[in-house]
Amino acid sequence: MADATETVLITGAASGIGRATAARLSQRMQVVIADRSIDAARELAAELAAKGRRALAVEVDVTQRASVGAMMETIQKAVGPVHALFSNAGINRRAPIENITEADWDLMMQTHVKGAFLCAQAVLPAMKTHGRGAILMMSSDFAVLGMPGAAAYASAKTAVYSLVKSLATAFAADGIRVNALGPGPIDTPLLRSGRSAEEWDRAHRRFQQTLPMGRLGRPEEIAAVADFLLSERSSYITGQIVHPNGGQLTW
């Protein structure tokens, strides 16, 4: 069985990058699989349990303080304190700038920015008490590049990185590290969502033609970076955004 002396909370953990990260981290930690889809979360938890790993499925809507609070109560009663957080829950709504609705704009900000803030706010007190902790928030290459076809998404991801820098500065003296992941295009349900099969084929070919590495990233590749940033191997890294992106963005 995995050494599960510490607990990691992963939001949006039932699919894509969150799922891959939960599977990887469950090899060395107890994993809380938090997702809007409790059925999908329970399915993954059962799969991990069948491999001798410890996983707890919880339902959460990260845009609602009450839901985040209820999640934390469940976690505390079931497994105790959270030692690491991967704030990964996310959505996207593609549209030209002139067609972005106020409702979609608000939902993007609430899910990515407010959701990351609420989850961090929920775990920080215990981390501060214990004098250590690691928080990782999902940003994007588009936080730097911009994204004309999804300006609300790009704006939210930029705000997430600003939040990361603020938290990292505020809590470094407490032994808490806070970083951001800024992946390039990764073959996940989120990237495929909202596209017909034909639209996906066109987009896939475009990615292959424009990405320097000539292919989309895999969720497992991002999970490996998340594992690093949530481990002691990155003990001197905080306030940074790390870009596993196949060369799409270089500094």
Protein backbone atom coordinates (compact mmCIF):
# COMPACT_ATOMS: atom_id res chain seq x y z
CA MET A 1 0.00 0.00 0.00
CA ALA A 2 1.11 3.55 -0.66
CA ASP A 3 2.62 5.58 2.17
CA ALA A 4 -0.38 7.82 2.81
CA THR A 5 0.80 9.76 5.85
CA GLU A 6 -0.06 13.05 4.14
CA THR A 7 -3.17 14.15 2.28
CA VAL A 8 -3.52 16.04 -0.98
CA LEU A 9 -6.78 17.68 -2.03
CA ILE A 10 -7.34 17.88 -5.79
CA THR A 11 -10.30 19.78 -7.22
CA GLY A 12 -11.59 18.88 -10.65
CA ALA A 13 -9.99 15.52 -9.97
CA ALA A 14 -12.37 13.19 -11.77
CA SER A 15 -11.11 13.79 -15.32
CA GLY A 16 -8.23 15.06 -17.43
CA ILE A 17 -5.19 16.49 -15.68
CA GLY A 18 -6.83 16.21 -12.25
CA ARG A 19 -7.49 12.51 -12.73
CA ALA A 20 -3.95 11.83 -13.94
CA THR A 21 -2.52 13.75 -11.00
CA ALA A 22 -4.70 11.92 -8.49
CA ALA A 23 -3.53 8.59 -9.89
CA ARG A 24 0.13 9.64 -9.70
CA LEU A 25 0.03 11.25 -6.25
CA SER A 26 -1.94 8.33 -4.79
CA GLN A 27 1.30 6.36 -5.01
CA ARG A 28 2.75 8.45 -2.18
CA MET A 29 -0.14 10.32 -0.55
CA GLN A 30 -3.73 9.95 0.51
CA VAL A 31 -5.80 11.65 -2.18
CA VAL A 32 -9.05 13.57 -1.84
CA ILE A 33 -10.83 13.49 -5.20
CA ALA A 34 -13.06 16.56 -5.24
CA ASP A 35 -15.35 17.17 -8.19
CA ARG A 36 -18.80 18.44 -9.16
CA SER A 37 -19.51 14.91 -10.44
CA ILE A 38 -19.58 12.79 -7.31
CA ASP A 39 -20.25 9.65 -9.36
CA ALA A 40 -17.09 10.15 -11.41
CA ALA A 41 -15.13 10.97 -8.25
CA ARG A 42 -16.33 7.79 -6.55
CA GLU A 43 -15.48 5.73 -9.61
CA LEU A 44 -11.89 6.98 -9.56
CA ALA A 45 -11.62 6.50 -5.80
CA ALA A 46 -12.74 2.89 -6.24
CA GLU A 47 -10.18 2.32 -8.99
CA LEU A 48 -7.39 3.63 -6.77
CA ALA A 49 -8.62 1.64 -3.77
CA ALA A 50 -8.49 -1.52 -5.89
CA LYS A 51 -4.76 -0.81 -6.31
CA GLY A 52 -4.26 -0.55 -2.56
CA ARG A 53 -4.24 3.23 -2.45
CA ARG A 54 -6.20 5.53 -0.16
CA ALA A 55 -8.65 7.90 -1.81
CA LEU A 56 -11.70 9.82 -0.65
CA ALA A 57 -14.34 11.12 -3.08
CA VAL A 58 -16.14 14.35 -2.19
CA GLU A 59 -18.56 16.54 -4.07
CA VAL A 60 -17.82 20.26 -4.36
CA ASP A 61 -18.82 23.35 -6.27
CA VAL A 62 -15.74 25.53 -5.88
CA THR A 63 -17.69 28.68 -6.75
CA GLN A 64 -19.71 28.43 -3.52
CA ARG A 65 -18.18 29.09 -0.09
CA ALA A 66 -20.77 26.86 1.59
CA SER A 67 -19.89 23.94 -0.68
CA VAL A 68 -16.16 24.39 -0.07
CA GLY A 69 -16.83 24.57 3.66
CA ALA A 70 -18.89 21.39 3.58
CA MET A 71 -16.12 19.66 1.63
CA MET A 72 -13.54 20.66 4.24
CA GLU A 73 -15.75 19.37 7.07
CA THR A 74 -16.06 16.02 5.32
CA ILE A 75 -12.31 15.83 4.75
CA GLN A 76 -11.48 16.75 8.33
CA LYS A 77 -13.79 14.10 9.74
CA ALA A 78 -12.69 11.40 7.31
CA VAL A 79 -8.94 11.88 6.94
CA GLY A 80 -7.77 14.89 8.95
CA PRO A 81 -5.77 17.90 7.76
CA VAL A 82 -4.87 18.71 4.17
CA HIS A 83 -1.12 18.99 3.57
CA ALA A 84 -1.22 19.89 -0.14
CA LEU A 85 -3.77 21.43 -2.49
CA PHE A 86 -3.99 21.22 -6.26
CA SER A 87 -6.65 23.75 -7.28
CA ASN A 88 -7.42 22.35 -10.70
CA ALA A 89 -11.18 22.74 -11.25
CA GLY A 90 -11.84 24.61 -14.48
CA ILE A 91 -14.16 25.23 -17.39
CA ASN A 92 -13.97 27.02 -20.73
CA ARG A 93 -16.38 28.89 -22.97
CA ARG A 94 -14.97 29.69 -26.40
CA ALA A 95 -16.40 32.74 -28.17
CA PRO A 96 -15.20 35.83 -30.05
CA ILE A 97 -14.72 38.73 -27.65
CA GLU A 98 -17.81 40.55 -28.93
CA ASN A 99 -19.96 37.46 -28.21
CA ILE A 100 -18.86 36.73 -24.64
CA THR A 101 -21.91 36.95 -22.40
CA GLU A 102 -21.86 38.50 -18.96
CA ALA A 103 -22.99 35.17 -17.53
CA ASP A 104 -20.09 33.28 -19.14
CA TRP A 105 -17.61 35.94 -18.02
CA ASP A 106 -18.84 35.73 -14.44
CA LEU A 107 -18.84 31.92 -14.44
CA MET A 108 -15.26 31.87 -15.72
CA MET A 109 -14.07 34.20 -12.96
CA GLN A 110 -16.07 32.41 -10.28
CA THR A 111 -14.81 28.96 -11.24
CA HIS A 112 -11.14 29.72 -11.81
CA VAL A 113 -10.37 32.71 -9.60
CA LYS A 114 -12.95 32.63 -6.82
CA GLY A 115 -12.75 28.83 -6.71
CA ALA A 116 -8.98 28.85 -6.31
CA PHE A 117 -9.21 31.58 -3.67
CA LEU A 118 -11.90 29.81 -1.64
CA CYS A 119 -10.04 26.50 -1.64
CA ALA A 120 -6.74 28.12 -0.69
CA GLN A 121 -8.43 30.12 2.04
CA ALA A 122 -9.92 26.88 3.38
CA VAL A 123 -6.63 24.97 3.67
CA LEU A 124 -4.26 27.76 4.66
CA PRO A 125 -5.09 28.00 8.40
CA ALA A 126 -4.14 24.37 9.09
CA MET A 127 -1.05 24.64 6.91
CA LYS A 128 0.01 27.74 8.82
CA THR A 129 -0.53 25.95 12.13
CA HIS A 130 1.64 23.04 10.99
CA GLY A 131 4.31 25.37 9.60
CA ARG A 132 4.35 23.85 6.13
CA GLY A 133 2.24 23.13 3.07
CA ALA A 134 2.17 23.27 -0.71
CA ILE A 135 -0.48 24.80 -2.95
CA LEU A 136 -0.58 24.49 -6.71
CA MET A 137 -3.08 26.37 -8.87
CA MET A 138 -3.93 25.66 -12.48
CA SER A 139 -3.18 28.60 -14.74
CA SER A 140 -2.35 28.42 -18.46
CA ASP A 141 0.07 29.51 -21.17
CA PHE A 142 -2.71 31.87 -22.17
CA ALA A 143 -2.21 33.80 -18.93
CA VAL A 144 0.85 35.16 -20.73
CA LEU A 145 -0.03 34.77 -24.40
CA GLY A 146 -3.66 35.90 -24.38
CA MET A 147 -6.38 34.06 -26.27
CA PRO A 148 -8.61 36.01 -28.68
CA GLY A 149 -11.09 33.14 -28.98
CA ALA A 150 -11.45 32.73 -25.22
CA ALA A 151 -10.61 36.06 -23.61
CA ALA A 152 -12.55 35.32 -20.43
CA TYR A 153 -10.61 32.09 -19.91
CA ALA A 154 -7.26 33.79 -20.49
CA SER A 155 -8.19 36.67 -18.19
CA ALA A 156 -9.19 34.29 -15.42
CA LYS A 157 -5.95 32.35 -15.74
CA THR A 158 -3.94 35.57 -15.54
CA ALA A 159 -5.80 36.45 -12.35
CA VAL A 160 -5.00 33.01 -10.93
CA TYR A 161 -1.29 33.62 -11.45
CA SER A 162 -1.57 37.00 -9.72
CA LEU A 163 -3.30 35.28 -6.81
CA VAL A 164 -0.49 32.73 -6.67
CA LYS A 165 2.16 35.44 -6.43
CA SER A 166 0.25 37.24 -3.69
CA LEU A 167 -0.26 34.09 -1.62
CA ALA A 168 3.34 32.96 -2.11
CA THR A 169 4.62 36.27 -0.79
CA ALA A 170 2.17 36.35 2.09
CA PHE A 171 2.84 32.82 3.37
CA ALA A 172 6.47 32.06 2.52
CA ALA A 173 7.55 32.78 6.09
CA ASP A 174 5.01 30.21 7.29
CA GLY A 175 6.67 27.44 5.31
CA ILE A 176 3.89 27.36 2.71
CA ARG A 177 4.82 27.31 -0.98
CA VAL A 178 2.36 28.45 -3.66
CA ASN A 179 2.94 27.94 -7.37
CA ALA A 180 1.03 27.83 -10.64
CA LEU A 181 0.96 25.41 -13.55
CA GLY A 182 0.69 26.98 -17.01
CA PRO A 183 0.28 24.12 -19.47
CA GLY A 184 0.05 24.44 -23.20
CA PRO A 185 -2.52 22.42 -25.16
CA ILE A 186 -3.14 19.10 -23.42
CA ASP A 187 -5.37 16.35 -24.81
CA THR A 188 -8.13 16.47 -22.20
CA PRO A 189 -11.94 16.50 -22.22
CA LEU A 190 -11.76 20.25 -21.51
CA LEU A 191 -9.72 20.91 -24.65
CA ARG A 192 -12.12 18.83 -26.74
CA SER A 193 -15.29 20.26 -25.18
CA GLY A 194 -17.54 22.42 -27.34
CA ARG A 195 -16.05 21.09 -30.58
CA SER A 196 -17.64 18.72 -33.05
CA ALA A 197 -15.58 15.78 -34.29
CA GLU A 198 -14.70 17.75 -37.42
CA GLU A 199 -13.77 20.86 -35.43
CA TRP A 200 -11.60 18.76 -33.15
CA ASP A 201 -9.79 17.19 -36.10
CA ARG A 202 -9.02 20.65 -37.49
CA ALA A 203 -7.86 21.94 -34.13
CA HIS A 204 -5.73 18.84 -33.55
CA ARG A 205 -3.97 19.26 -36.90
CA ARG A 206 -3.38 22.93 -36.16
CA PHE A 207 -1.79 22.09 -32.81
CA GLN A 208 0.46 19.52 -34.46
CA GLN A 209 1.55 22.04 -37.08
CA THR A 210 2.17 24.96 -34.71
CA LEU A 211 3.57 23.38 -31.56
CA PRO A 212 7.38 23.09 -31.72
CA MET A 213 7.22 19.53 -30.37
CA GLY A 214 4.60 18.67 -32.99
CA ARG A 215 2.07 17.09 -30.63
CA LEU A 216 -0.38 17.73 -27.83
CA GLY A 217 0.68 17.12 -24.28
CA ARG A 218 -0.66 14.19 -22.26
CA PRO A 219 -2.36 14.59 -18.87
CA GLU A 220 0.25 12.28 -17.34
CA GLU A 221 3.00 14.69 -18.40
CA ILE A 222 1.35 17.54 -16.53
CA ALA A 223 0.73 15.29 -13.55
CA ALA A 224 4.47 14.67 -13.34
CA VAL A 225 5.12 18.41 -13.06
CA ALA A 226 2.34 18.79 -10.49
CA ASP A 227 3.89 15.97 -8.46
CA PHE A 228 7.24 17.79 -8.50
CA LEU A 229 5.76 21.14 -7.44
CA LEU A 230 3.82 19.52 -4.58
CA SER A 231 6.84 17.61 -3.30
CA GLU A 232 9.94 18.48 -1.30
CA ARG A 233 11.94 18.26 -4.53
CA SER A 234 10.72 21.80 -5.23
CA SER A 235 11.35 23.06 -1.69
CA TYR A 236 12.98 26.34 -2.86
CA ILE A 237 10.34 27.19 -5.48
CA THR A 238 7.44 29.50 -4.70
CA GLY A 239 5.50 32.23 -6.49
CA GLN A 240 6.32 30.78 -9.91
CA ILE A 241 4.37 29.67 -12.96
CA VAL A 242 5.80 26.58 -14.64
CA HIS A 243 4.94 25.98 -18.30
CA PRO A 244 4.93 22.37 -19.56
CA ASN A 245 3.87 23.34 -23.08
CA GLY A 246 5.84 21.59 -25.80
CA GLY A 247 7.60 24.87 -26.61
CA GLN A 248 4.45 26.91 -27.31
CA LEU A 249 5.70 29.64 -24.95
CA THR A 250 9.38 30.24 -24.23
CA TRP A 251 11.01 32.76 -21.91
